[in-house]
Amino acid sequence: MLLTITNSRYPATDLGFLLHKHPGKVQSVEVVNGKAHVFYPEVSDERCTCAILLDMDPVGLVRNSDGNPFALDQYVNDRPYVASSFMTSAISKGFSSALNGNCKAKPELVSIPLQLEVQLSVLSVKGGEEVLQQLFLPLGYELTAIQHPLDPHFPEWGESRYFTVTLKNTVTLQALLSHLYVLIPVMDNEKHYWVNEEEITKLMNKGKGWLEEHPAKELIVRRYLRYQQKLSNEALAAITVSEDTPVVEKESKQTLHDIRLKAVSDEIARLQVRSVVDLGCGEGRLIKLLLENKQLQRITGMDVSSRSLEVAARRLKLDKMIDTQRKRINLLHGSLTYRDRRLQGYEVATLVEVIEHLDEDRLLALEKNVFNEILPDTIVLTTPNKDWNITFTEDETMKRHSDHRFEWTREEFQAWCEHIRDAYKYTYEIKPLGEEIEAVGAPSQMVVFSKQ
């Protein structure tokens, strides 16, 4: 399988500096069950092409398959001949500096868009040209796809799923390689290794800056994570902005989310505690408000999205804080559905518009972790009130967040609170948040759980 990258922005030989591969040499890197050979078919100031040729060992693929669910694949398969996750491994190893945005010789080149052309020969695309268009056109690529017949001698057999694909775009090399790294296995819809939680981190890192707004985001995530529902849902929740779209009250410029945060902050101030952990802290809006509470000496935010934590650090200006302030804050990367000793020992835990982003079958794991493992004295939790949704009109532009997996009515919410009381020995008090309307209540609801 062959991948070529051509730069036609003068001087085109800048491509060699960015890829950290000398145009006068053929270089090889080891990959699983094969080798990737990097070389330059053409080099000039006007046009420079770098090729990566992946040479796979068909026998090694069978010997090292670890029981992959291939039946006849040991004898008949396309893995040595098509661009797949093996190619993304080759990109990661062969072009690691460029993929990570590093260029020691000419660092100023990293942020400069180049006139790039990519050709992939051949590419397995499950879903055909329509999938190619879904994936690349929103990213600004000019796409040419040549579909190959199953057998040119037997045209009645129809077309195969294999394409020679040419992509053109004016984009940074790092962005191009990131797109290929994520989208090649998405198009192929296969991976040569077991997918686990580490893949979420890879996807978040390589998709940063473009995947969040991609219209085919859900397709990309689910294929990249091999349709593992738990992993896919966690990744989508991490990619999605963690805070709900603000709902504007009719007679106030203050948003509903502002009301939530103020209510939670006021509740913590009333409790006169010294430590709080914000579970699912998102971009740090609540933490920024809590910093005004001088009594709090230990404020920790935890989120599954590393990108949200980066935004939180910038929002809070951690790099510019004086030492006494900086020592009060800690940001942690983690999931609130898994045991984590770092989260223990806090007087208060908050979950602001978090639980509705989980699948309901993961809610029990959250319950056990928060109410049985973390065990704070007080838990302050908010979630939308489903009863309120009937007030939305069809042309309403400020609706609930699209990532909500469920929403509870006031009755359902109270039933859940009673379950928590009986199962984990916490008393509770429910408070409405926002403007109340007769028969439907307020748009959001807050509960304060206190350890008995």
Protein backbone atom coordinates (compact mmCIF):
# COMPACT_ATOMS: atom_id res chain seq x y z
CA MET A 1 0.00 0.00 0.00
CA LEU A 2 1.30 3.43 -0.91
CA LEU A 3 0.70 6.91 0.49
CA THR A 4 2.20 9.96 -1.20
CA ILE A 5 2.21 13.54 0.08
CA THR A 6 3.05 16.34 -2.36
CA ASN A 7 3.76 19.96 -1.48
CA SER A 8 3.62 22.62 -4.21
CA ARG A 9 4.06 25.68 -2.00
CA TYR A 10 7.40 27.32 -2.81
CA PRO A 11 9.92 26.22 -1.71
CA ALA A 12 8.30 22.80 -1.87
CA THR A 13 11.35 21.17 -0.25
CA ASP A 14 10.10 22.53 3.10
CA LEU A 15 8.22 19.24 3.18
CA GLY A 16 11.46 17.42 3.95
CA PHE A 17 12.18 19.60 6.97
CA LEU A 18 8.67 19.11 8.33
CA LEU A 19 8.70 15.34 7.85
CA HIS A 20 12.22 15.13 9.30
CA LYS A 21 13.18 12.85 6.41
CA HIS A 22 16.07 13.72 4.07
CA PRO A 23 15.03 13.71 0.40
CA GLY A 24 18.32 12.07 -0.63
CA LYS A 25 17.86 8.97 1.51
CA VAL A 26 15.55 5.98 1.67
CA GLN A 27 14.63 5.35 5.28
CA SER A 28 12.74 2.44 6.83
CA VAL A 29 10.92 1.97 10.12
CA GLU A 30 9.65 -1.23 11.68
CA VAL A 31 5.89 -1.64 12.08
CA VAL A 32 3.84 -4.57 13.30
CA ASN A 33 4.30 -7.42 10.82
CA GLY A 34 6.15 -5.31 8.29
CA LYS A 35 8.24 -2.31 7.34
CA ALA A 36 7.46 1.21 6.18
CA HIS A 37 9.84 2.62 3.59
CA VAL A 38 10.01 6.42 3.22
CA PHE A 39 11.47 7.96 0.05
CA TYR A 40 11.06 10.93 -2.33
CA PRO A 41 9.97 10.21 -5.96
CA GLU A 42 10.38 13.89 -6.90
CA VAL A 43 12.20 16.83 -5.33
CA SER A 44 12.30 20.43 -6.54
CA ASP A 45 11.47 23.88 -5.23
CA GLU A 46 8.24 23.80 -7.24
CA ARG A 47 7.04 20.32 -6.32
CA CYS A 48 8.20 17.84 -3.68
CA THR A 49 6.68 14.41 -3.06
CA CYS A 50 7.31 12.08 -0.14
CA ALA A 51 6.07 8.50 -0.30
CA ILE A 52 5.57 5.94 2.43
CA LEU A 53 5.38 2.38 1.15
CA LEU A 54 4.10 -0.21 3.58
CA ASP A 55 5.47 -3.70 3.02
CA MET A 56 3.51 -6.21 5.09
CA ASP A 57 4.43 -9.83 5.84
CA PRO A 58 1.33 -11.95 5.05
CA VAL A 59 2.66 -14.91 7.01
CA GLY A 60 3.42 -12.70 10.00
CA LEU A 61 -0.12 -11.34 9.92
CA VAL A 62 -1.45 -14.88 10.45
CA ARG A 63 1.12 -15.92 13.03
CA ASN A 64 0.61 -12.79 15.12
CA SER A 65 -3.15 -12.49 14.75
CA ASP A 66 -3.79 -13.40 18.43
CA GLY A 67 -6.93 -15.23 17.46
CA ASN A 68 -8.50 -12.35 15.52
CA PRO A 69 -11.94 -13.40 14.25
CA PHE A 70 -10.71 -14.19 10.74
CA ALA A 71 -11.93 -17.48 9.30
CA LEU A 72 -10.74 -17.65 5.70
CA ASP A 73 -8.68 -14.54 6.31
CA GLN A 74 -5.65 -16.69 7.02
CA TYR A 75 -5.71 -17.61 3.35
CA VAL A 76 -7.60 -14.78 1.63
CA ASN A 77 -7.51 -11.22 2.99
CA ASP A 78 -6.68 -7.70 1.84
CA ARG A 79 -4.60 -6.56 4.83
CA PRO A 80 -1.19 -6.60 3.07
CA TYR A 81 -2.50 -4.55 0.17
CA VAL A 82 -4.80 -1.78 1.44
CA ALA A 83 -4.35 1.35 3.55
CA SER A 84 -5.67 0.46 7.00
CA SER A 85 -4.75 0.91 10.66
CA PHE A 86 -1.35 -0.52 9.71
CA MET A 87 -0.85 2.62 7.63
CA THR A 88 -1.77 4.86 10.58
CA SER A 89 0.87 3.03 12.64
CA ALA A 90 3.36 3.72 9.84
CA ILE A 91 2.39 7.42 9.81
CA SER A 92 2.80 7.58 13.59
CA LYS A 93 6.26 5.99 13.49
CA GLY A 94 7.57 7.38 10.22
CA PHE A 95 6.27 10.94 10.58
CA SER A 96 6.01 11.27 14.37
CA SER A 97 7.62 14.72 14.52
CA ALA A 98 5.28 16.19 11.91
CA LEU A 99 2.23 14.47 13.41
CA ASN A 100 3.01 16.02 16.79
CA GLY A 101 3.69 19.48 15.34
CA ASN A 102 7.47 19.51 15.86
CA CYS A 103 10.14 20.77 13.49
CA LYS A 104 13.54 21.49 15.05
CA ALA A 105 15.18 22.79 11.88
CA LYS A 106 12.44 25.25 10.92
CA PRO A 107 9.81 25.46 13.69
CA GLU A 108 8.08 28.38 11.96
CA LEU A 109 6.91 25.98 9.20
CA VAL A 110 4.65 24.02 11.54
CA SER A 111 1.87 26.63 11.52
CA ILE A 112 2.10 27.51 7.81
CA PRO A 113 -0.60 26.04 5.52
CA LEU A 114 0.94 24.20 2.56
CA GLN A 115 -0.55 23.37 -0.83
CA LEU A 116 -0.80 19.64 -0.23
CA GLU A 117 -1.95 16.73 -2.35
CA VAL A 118 -2.32 13.21 -0.98
CA GLN A 119 -2.82 9.99 -2.89
CA LEU A 120 -3.76 6.69 -1.24
CA SER A 121 -3.40 3.50 -3.25
CA VAL A 122 -5.52 1.63 -2.44
CA LEU A 123 -8.01 2.44 0.23
CA SER A 124 -10.75 0.18 1.58
CA VAL A 125 -13.89 2.27 2.10
CA LYS A 126 -16.90 0.64 3.70
CA GLY A 127 -19.77 2.83 2.58
CA GLY A 128 -18.27 3.89 -0.74
CA GLU A 129 -17.71 7.37 -2.10
CA GLU A 130 -20.54 8.79 -0.01
CA VAL A 131 -18.54 8.05 3.15
CA LEU A 132 -15.43 9.63 1.61
CA GLN A 133 -17.39 12.80 0.92
CA GLN A 134 -18.90 12.81 4.42
CA LEU A 135 -15.46 12.61 5.99
CA PHE A 136 -13.28 14.89 3.85
CA LEU A 137 -15.45 17.56 2.25
CA PRO A 138 -16.31 19.27 5.58
CA LEU A 139 -12.56 19.57 6.20
CA GLY A 140 -12.10 21.56 2.99
CA TYR A 141 -10.57 18.86 0.81
CA GLU A 142 -10.99 18.54 -2.93
CA LEU A 143 -11.69 14.85 -3.43
CA THR A 144 -11.15 12.53 -6.38
CA ALA A 145 -12.03 8.86 -5.92
CA ILE A 146 -11.53 6.10 -8.49
CA GLN A 147 -13.44 2.95 -7.56
CA HIS A 148 -11.97 -0.35 -8.72
CA PRO A 149 -14.05 -3.24 -10.06
CA LEU A 150 -13.99 -6.59 -8.30
CA ASP A 151 -12.47 -8.09 -11.44
CA PRO A 152 -12.02 -6.15 -14.69
CA HIS A 153 -12.43 -9.41 -16.61
CA PHE A 154 -15.87 -9.93 -15.09
CA PRO A 155 -17.60 -6.53 -15.07
CA GLU A 156 -20.90 -8.16 -14.16
CA TRP A 157 -19.48 -8.78 -10.67
CA GLY A 158 -19.74 -5.07 -10.01
CA GLU A 159 -17.59 -2.62 -8.10
CA SER A 160 -15.39 -3.39 -5.10
CA ARG A 161 -15.03 -1.31 -1.96
CA TYR A 162 -11.49 -0.33 -2.99
CA PHE A 163 -10.58 3.17 -4.18
CA THR A 164 -7.59 5.15 -5.28
CA VAL A 165 -8.16 8.44 -3.52
CA THR A 166 -6.63 11.86 -4.19
CA LEU A 167 -7.07 14.68 -1.71
CA LYS A 168 -6.08 18.33 -2.16
CA ASN A 169 -6.16 21.05 0.45
CA THR A 170 -4.28 24.10 1.69
CA VAL A 171 -3.65 23.07 5.25
CA THR A 172 -0.81 22.57 7.72
CA LEU A 173 1.02 19.28 7.44
CA GLN A 174 0.19 18.42 11.05
CA ALA A 175 -3.53 18.87 10.36
CA LEU A 176 -3.31 16.70 7.24
CA LEU A 177 -1.53 13.87 9.06
CA SER A 178 -3.99 14.09 11.96
CA HIS A 179 -6.90 13.79 9.53
CA LEU A 180 -5.33 10.73 7.89
CA TYR A 181 -4.39 9.16 11.21
CA VAL A 182 -7.99 9.23 12.41
CA LEU A 183 -9.90 8.76 9.17
CA ILE A 184 -8.01 5.91 7.46
CA PRO A 185 -9.20 3.28 9.98
CA VAL A 186 -12.63 4.97 10.00
CA MET A 187 -12.97 4.46 6.25
CA ASP A 188 -11.66 0.90 6.45
CA ASN A 189 -13.83 0.25 9.53
CA GLU A 190 -11.26 -2.20 10.90
CA LYS A 191 -8.28 -2.18 13.26
CA HIS A 192 -5.45 -4.66 13.64
CA TYR A 193 -5.38 -4.41 17.43
CA TRP A 194 -7.77 -4.49 20.37
CA VAL A 195 -9.44 -1.17 21.08
CA ASN A 196 -9.47 0.02 24.70
CA GLU A 197 -9.71 3.27 26.65
CA GLU A 198 -6.30 4.41 25.38
CA GLU A 199 -7.93 4.88 21.98
CA ILE A 200 -10.10 7.67 23.41
CA THR A 201 -6.95 9.59 24.32
CA LYS A 202 -5.50 9.04 20.84
CA LEU A 203 -8.74 10.19 19.23
CA MET A 204 -8.95 13.29 21.42
CA ASN A 205 -5.32 14.23 20.74
CA LYS A 206 -5.40 13.71 16.98
CA GLY A 207 -8.94 15.07 16.58
CA LYS A 208 -8.29 18.23 18.57
CA GLY A 209 -9.34 21.36 16.71
CA TRP A 210 -11.41 19.70 13.98
CA LEU A 211 -13.34 16.68 15.22
CA GLU A 212 -15.44 18.72 17.65
CA GLU A 213 -17.23 20.55 14.82
CA HIS A 214 -17.22 17.77 12.21
CA PRO A 215 -20.78 16.95 11.05
CA ALA A 216 -19.90 13.23 10.87
CA LYS A 217 -18.43 13.28 14.39
CA GLU A 218 -20.59 10.43 15.67
CA LEU A 219 -19.81 8.19 12.68
CA ILE A 220 -16.08 8.88 13.11
CA VAL A 221 -16.08 8.16 16.84
CA ARG A 222 -18.11 4.97 16.64
CA ARG A 223 -16.08 3.51 13.77
CA TYR A 224 -12.75 4.57 15.27
CA LEU A 225 -13.67 2.84 18.54
CA ARG A 226 -15.03 -0.23 16.75
CA TYR A 227 -18.62 0.31 17.90
CA GLN A 228 -17.82 -0.25 21.57
CA GLN A 229 -20.76 1.63 22.99
CA LYS A 230 -19.23 2.47 26.35
CA LEU A 231 -16.03 3.86 24.81
CA SER A 232 -17.93 5.69 22.07
CA ASN A 233 -20.28 7.36 24.52
CA GLU A 234 -17.40 8.45 26.77
CA ALA A 235 -15.54 9.87 23.78
CA LEU A 236 -18.58 11.74 22.47
CA ALA A 237 -19.25 13.14 25.92
CA ALA A 238 -15.61 14.27 26.15
CA ILE A 239 -15.63 15.86 22.71
CA THR A 240 -18.94 17.62 23.26
CA VAL A 241 -18.78 20.87 25.22
CA SER A 242 -19.45 19.62 28.71
CA GLU A 243 -21.80 22.36 29.74
CA ASP A 244 -25.34 22.68 28.47
CA THR A 245 -26.25 25.33 25.92
CA PRO A 246 -27.50 28.27 27.95
CA VAL A 247 -31.26 28.69 28.22
CA VAL A 248 -32.12 32.39 28.54
CA GLU A 249 -34.85 33.30 30.98
CA LYS A 250 -37.66 35.39 29.60
CA GLU A 251 -37.21 38.40 31.87
CA SER A 252 -33.48 38.25 32.54
CA LYS A 253 -30.23 38.34 30.63
CA GLN A 254 -28.79 35.83 33.09
CA THR A 255 -28.52 32.33 31.60
CA LEU A 256 -29.88 29.24 33.26
CA HIS A 257 -26.37 27.88 33.58
CA ASP A 258 -25.32 31.04 35.43
CA ILE A 259 -28.21 30.41 37.82
CA ARG A 260 -27.11 26.81 38.37
CA LEU A 261 -23.51 27.76 39.09
CA LYS A 262 -24.52 30.57 41.46
CA ALA A 263 -26.89 28.26 43.34
CA VAL A 264 -24.21 25.57 43.75
CA SER A 265 -21.60 28.14 44.78
CA ASP A 266 -23.97 29.70 47.32
CA GLU A 267 -24.77 26.27 48.74
CA ILE A 268 -21.08 25.55 49.27
CA ALA A 269 -20.58 28.95 50.88
CA ARG A 270 -23.48 28.22 53.25
CA LEU A 271 -21.86 24.94 54.29
CA GLN A 272 -18.63 26.73 55.32
CA VAL A 273 -16.35 23.93 54.14
CA ARG A 274 -12.68 23.98 53.20
CA SER A 275 -12.53 21.41 50.37
CA VAL A 276 -14.61 20.62 47.30
CA VAL A 277 -14.22 18.39 44.23
CA ASP A 278 -16.15 19.25 41.05
CA LEU A 279 -16.85 15.98 39.23
CA GLY A 280 -17.25 16.62 35.50
CA CYS A 281 -15.81 20.11 35.85
CA GLY A 282 -15.75 20.77 32.11
CA GLU A 283 -14.14 24.08 31.26
CA GLY A 284 -13.85 25.25 34.87
CA ARG A 285 -16.74 27.73 35.14
CA LEU A 286 -17.77 26.56 38.61
CA ILE A 287 -14.16 26.44 39.81
CA LYS A 288 -13.67 30.04 38.74
CA LEU A 289 -16.70 31.01 40.84
CA LEU A 290 -15.54 28.95 43.81
CA LEU A 291 -12.19 30.74 43.86
CA GLU A 292 -14.05 33.78 45.22
CA ASN A 293 -14.83 31.77 48.36
CA LYS A 294 -11.77 32.52 50.51
CA GLN A 295 -12.68 29.77 52.98
CA LEU A 296 -12.06 27.07 50.36
CA GLN A 297 -8.46 25.93 50.59
CA ARG A 298 -8.68 22.88 48.32
CA ILE A 299 -10.58 23.03 45.03
CA THR A 300 -10.25 20.10 42.60
CA GLY A 301 -11.82 19.65 39.19
CA MET A 302 -11.99 16.29 37.42
CA ASP A 303 -13.14 15.60 33.86
CA VAL A 304 -12.89 12.81 31.27
CA SER A 305 -11.99 15.33 28.55
CA SER A 306 -8.35 16.40 28.50
CA ARG A 307 -9.30 19.16 26.07
CA SER A 308 -11.84 20.60 28.53
CA LEU A 309 -9.18 20.56 31.24
CA GLU A 310 -6.83 22.50 28.95
CA VAL A 311 -9.58 25.08 28.40
CA ALA A 312 -10.18 25.21 32.15
CA ALA A 313 -6.50 25.87 32.81
CA ARG A 314 -6.58 28.77 30.33
CA ARG A 315 -9.87 30.11 31.70
CA LEU A 316 -8.48 30.07 35.23
CA LYS A 317 -5.11 31.47 34.04
CA LEU A 318 -3.25 28.92 36.13
CA ASP A 319 0.08 29.85 34.54
CA LYS A 320 -0.29 33.45 35.78
CA MET A 321 -1.64 32.76 39.27
CA ILE A 322 0.33 33.67 42.34
CA ASP A 323 1.56 30.63 44.28
CA THR A 324 -0.93 30.95 47.13
CA GLN A 325 -3.86 30.86 44.68
CA ARG A 326 -2.37 28.16 42.47
CA LYS A 327 -1.92 25.82 45.43
CA ARG A 328 -5.67 25.87 46.03
CA ILE A 329 -6.49 24.35 42.61
CA ASN A 330 -5.92 20.90 41.16
CA LEU A 331 -7.20 19.61 37.80
CA LEU A 332 -7.44 15.84 37.29
CA HIS A 333 -8.07 13.73 34.19
CA GLY A 334 -10.35 10.81 34.97
CA SER A 335 -13.79 9.25 34.80
CA LEU A 336 -16.33 9.52 37.59
CA THR A 337 -17.62 5.99 36.87
CA TYR A 338 -14.35 4.41 38.04
CA ARG A 339 -12.79 4.22 41.50
CA ASP A 340 -10.15 6.87 41.99
CA ARG A 341 -8.51 7.41 45.36
CA ARG A 342 -7.49 10.92 44.35
CA LEU A 343 -11.15 11.95 44.74
CA GLN A 344 -11.45 10.86 48.38
CA GLY A 345 -11.15 13.12 51.41
CA TYR A 346 -13.27 16.08 50.20
CA GLU A 347 -16.05 17.59 52.28
CA VAL A 348 -18.21 18.41 49.24
CA ALA A 349 -18.58 16.91 45.75
CA THR A 350 -20.48 18.67 42.96
CA LEU A 351 -22.00 17.28 39.77
CA VAL A 352 -23.41 20.13 37.70
CA GLU A 353 -25.40 18.89 34.66
CA VAL A 354 -23.35 15.69 34.48
CA ILE A 355 -25.49 12.61 35.08
CA GLU A 356 -27.74 13.15 32.04
CA HIS A 357 -24.68 12.76 29.78
CA LEU A 358 -24.24 9.15 30.93
CA ASP A 359 -26.07 6.13 29.59
CA GLU A 360 -28.55 5.05 32.23
CA ASP A 361 -26.82 1.66 32.55
CA ARG A 362 -23.67 3.55 33.68
CA LEU A 363 -25.56 5.50 36.33
CA LEU A 364 -25.25 2.68 38.86
CA ALA A 365 -21.45 2.78 38.49
CA LEU A 366 -21.52 6.53 39.15
CA GLU A 367 -23.74 6.03 42.20
CA LYS A 368 -21.43 3.44 43.74
CA ASN A 369 -18.36 5.53 43.07
CA VAL A 370 -19.72 8.80 44.41
CA PHE A 371 -21.88 7.61 47.32
CA ASN A 372 -19.90 4.53 48.37
CA GLU A 373 -16.26 5.24 47.44
CA ILE A 374 -15.66 9.00 47.33
CA LEU A 375 -18.04 9.45 50.28
CA PRO A 376 -18.07 13.25 50.74
CA ASP A 377 -20.12 14.72 53.57
CA THR A 378 -22.26 16.64 51.07
CA ILE A 379 -23.06 16.14 47.37
CA VAL A 380 -24.61 18.95 45.34
CA LEU A 381 -26.06 17.77 42.03
CA THR A 382 -28.07 19.47 39.29
CA THR A 383 -29.89 18.02 36.29
CA PRO A 384 -32.55 19.24 33.80
CA ASN A 385 -36.25 18.98 34.58
CA LYS A 386 -37.94 17.10 31.74
CA ASP A 387 -41.34 18.52 32.71
CA TRP A 388 -40.09 21.95 31.57
CA ASN A 389 -39.46 20.79 28.01
CA ILE A 390 -43.09 21.29 26.97
CA THR A 391 -42.47 25.05 27.16
CA PHE A 392 -40.08 24.85 24.19
CA THR A 393 -41.58 25.78 20.84
CA GLU A 394 -40.63 24.07 17.57
CA ASP A 395 -38.56 27.04 16.45
CA GLU A 396 -36.93 27.44 19.87
CA THR A 397 -33.21 27.97 19.34
CA MET A 398 -32.07 27.41 22.93
CA LYS A 399 -32.94 23.78 23.60
CA ARG A 400 -31.42 21.08 25.76
CA HIS A 401 -27.95 19.77 25.01
CA SER A 402 -27.88 17.26 22.13
CA ASP A 403 -25.69 14.82 24.14
CA HIS A 404 -28.30 14.19 26.88
CA ARG A 405 -28.85 10.43 27.19
CA PHE A 406 -31.88 10.88 29.41
CA GLU A 407 -33.77 13.55 31.34
CA TRP A 408 -35.92 13.10 34.43
CA THR A 409 -39.24 14.61 35.37
CA ARG A 410 -39.52 16.02 38.87
CA GLU A 411 -41.23 12.82 40.01
CA GLU A 412 -38.54 10.60 38.49
CA PHE A 413 -35.81 12.75 40.02
CA GLN A 414 -37.37 12.50 43.48
CA ALA A 415 -37.69 8.72 43.09
CA TRP A 416 -33.98 8.50 42.30
CA CYS A 417 -33.12 10.68 45.30
CA GLU A 418 -35.15 8.39 47.54
CA HIS A 419 -33.28 5.40 46.11
CA ILE A 420 -29.98 7.12 47.01
CA ARG A 421 -31.28 7.86 50.52
CA ASP A 422 -32.24 4.23 51.12
CA ALA A 423 -29.21 2.62 49.44
CA TYR A 424 -26.42 4.88 50.68
CA LYS A 425 -27.78 6.57 53.82
CA TYR A 426 -27.80 10.15 52.59
CA THR A 427 -30.63 12.56 53.38
CA TYR A 428 -31.67 14.90 50.58
CA GLU A 429 -33.30 18.25 49.84
CA ILE A 430 -34.47 19.19 46.31
CA LYS A 431 -34.48 22.80 45.16
CA PRO A 432 -35.80 24.29 41.87
CA LEU A 433 -33.43 26.29 39.67
CA GLY A 434 -34.74 29.04 37.40
CA GLU A 435 -38.17 30.48 36.80
CA GLU A 436 -40.94 28.21 38.08
CA ILE A 437 -44.13 27.67 36.12
CA GLU A 438 -47.20 26.03 37.59
CA ALA A 439 -47.59 22.35 36.62
CA VAL A 440 -44.10 22.07 35.08
CA GLY A 441 -41.80 23.51 37.74
CA ALA A 442 -38.40 25.09 37.01
CA PRO A 443 -36.12 24.33 34.03
CA SER A 444 -33.49 22.67 36.23
CA GLN A 445 -33.45 20.94 39.59
CA MET A 446 -30.80 20.72 42.31
CA VAL A 447 -30.47 18.22 45.12
CA VAL A 448 -28.26 18.51 48.19
CA PHE A 449 -27.39 15.11 49.66
CA SER A 450 -26.06 15.06 53.24
CA LYS A 451 -24.44 12.08 54.92
CA GLN A 452 -26.57 10.73 57.77
